[in-house]
Protein backbone atom coordinates (compact mmCIF):
# COMPACT_ATOMS: atom_id res chain seq x y z
CA MET A 1 3.15 -47.39 9.78
CA ASP A 2 5.29 -44.25 9.42
CA ARG A 3 3.50 -43.42 6.21
CA MET A 4 0.12 -43.45 7.97
CA ALA A 5 1.42 -41.29 10.80
CA GLY A 6 2.84 -38.85 8.24
CA ALA A 7 -0.48 -38.73 6.40
CA ALA A 8 -2.38 -38.14 9.65
CA GLU A 9 0.00 -35.33 10.63
CA LEU A 10 -0.40 -33.76 7.20
CA SER A 11 -4.16 -34.05 7.53
CA HIS A 12 -4.11 -32.36 10.96
CA ARG A 13 -1.94 -29.52 9.67
CA THR A 14 -4.21 -29.08 6.65
CA VAL A 15 -7.33 -28.96 8.83
CA ASP A 16 -5.65 -26.57 11.29
CA ARG A 17 -4.64 -24.26 8.46
CA PHE A 18 -8.15 -24.41 6.98
CA VAL A 19 -9.75 -23.57 10.35
CA GLN A 20 -7.35 -20.66 10.87
CA ASP A 21 -8.12 -19.32 7.40
CA VAL A 22 -11.89 -19.59 7.95
CA LEU A 23 -11.67 -17.90 11.36
CA ALA A 24 -9.50 -15.12 9.96
CA ALA A 25 -11.99 -14.55 7.14
CA GLU A 26 -14.92 -14.46 9.56
CA LEU A 27 -13.12 -12.02 11.85
CA ASP A 28 -12.37 -9.79 8.87
CA ARG A 29 -16.04 -9.88 7.86
CA TYR A 30 -17.11 -9.04 11.41
CA ASP A 31 -14.65 -6.15 11.64
CA ALA A 32 -15.90 -4.80 8.31
CA ALA A 33 -19.55 -5.10 9.37
CA PHE A 34 -19.00 -3.64 12.85
CA PRO A 35 -16.14 -1.14 12.71
CA LEU A 36 -14.75 0.27 15.93
CA PRO A 37 -16.15 3.68 16.77
CA ALA A 38 -13.80 6.56 16.16
CA PRO A 39 -12.72 8.42 19.28
CA ALA A 40 -14.29 11.81 19.89
CA GLN A 41 -12.25 14.82 18.78
CA ASP A 42 -10.83 15.58 22.24
CA VAL A 43 -9.81 11.96 22.76
CA GLN A 44 -8.24 11.81 19.32
CA GLN A 45 -6.29 15.00 20.04
CA ALA A 46 -4.94 13.43 23.25
CA LEU A 47 -3.96 10.29 21.34
CA ASP A 48 -2.30 12.39 18.62
CA ALA A 49 -0.30 14.19 21.29
CA ASN A 50 0.88 10.83 22.69
CA PRO A 51 1.97 8.60 19.78
CA ALA A 52 2.98 5.71 22.07
CA ALA A 53 -0.49 5.68 23.62
CA ALA A 54 -2.11 5.89 20.19
CA GLU A 55 0.02 3.02 18.93
CA PHE A 56 -0.98 0.82 21.86
CA PHE A 57 -4.64 1.89 21.58
CA ALA A 58 -4.65 0.66 17.97
CA THR A 59 -3.68 -2.84 19.13
CA ILE A 60 -6.11 -3.43 22.00
CA SER A 61 -9.20 -5.63 21.82
CA ARG A 62 -12.63 -4.40 20.85
CA THR A 63 -13.78 -4.85 24.45
CA ASN A 64 -11.01 -2.67 25.85
CA HIS A 65 -11.45 -0.11 23.05
CA ALA A 66 -15.14 0.24 23.90
CA ALA A 67 -14.49 0.28 27.67
CA ILE A 68 -12.04 3.16 27.39
CA LEU A 69 -14.24 5.25 25.10
CA ASN A 70 -17.45 4.50 27.04
CA ARG A 71 -15.85 5.51 30.35
CA ILE A 72 -14.82 8.83 28.84
CA ASP A 73 -18.19 9.40 27.11
CA GLU A 74 -20.17 8.70 30.31
CA ALA A 75 -18.62 11.71 32.07
CA LYS A 76 -21.23 14.35 32.76
CA ARG A 77 -18.94 17.30 33.51
CA PRO A 78 -16.17 18.59 31.25
CA ALA A 79 -13.66 18.40 34.11
CA THR A 80 -14.50 14.75 34.69
CA ARG A 81 -14.18 14.04 30.98
CA ALA A 82 -10.78 15.74 30.83
CA ARG A 83 -9.58 13.78 33.88
CA ARG A 84 -10.76 10.50 32.36
CA ILE A 85 -8.98 11.26 29.10
CA GLU A 86 -5.78 11.92 31.06
CA GLN A 87 -6.26 8.66 32.99
CA ALA A 88 -6.87 6.71 29.79
CA ILE A 89 -3.74 8.12 28.14
CA ALA A 90 -1.67 7.32 31.24
CA MET A 91 -3.03 3.78 31.31
CA LEU A 92 -2.27 3.27 27.62
CA LEU A 93 1.24 4.67 28.03
CA GLU A 94 1.80 2.04 30.74
CA GLY A 95 0.55 -0.66 28.38
CA ARG A 96 -2.46 -1.41 30.55
CA THR A 97 -6.11 -1.94 29.61
CA PRO A 98 -9.34 -2.09 31.65
CA TYR A 99 -9.74 -5.80 30.96
CA ARG A 100 -7.15 -8.51 30.54
CA ASP A 101 -7.22 -10.17 27.15
């Protein structure tokens, strides 16, 4: 009986590994087909000036990435845009994002 249980466990681990590999490959294909948009020059300058914020920004989900950039891009006045960039950098420095992942 132990031999059957061992074979079943091996089978489950093999299937789990296969599924993880397939999902990873599909996510890589998706990321290649739909790359994240690059931040606008002023946003990139703010990220460059705050390496900790830039480092965290590079790790956030696609949803949060888009939410941050869209909020900044939707500003109609330059002052509003500048304020939103400052707010985004502050949020990233605190390790926060618009949406929980």
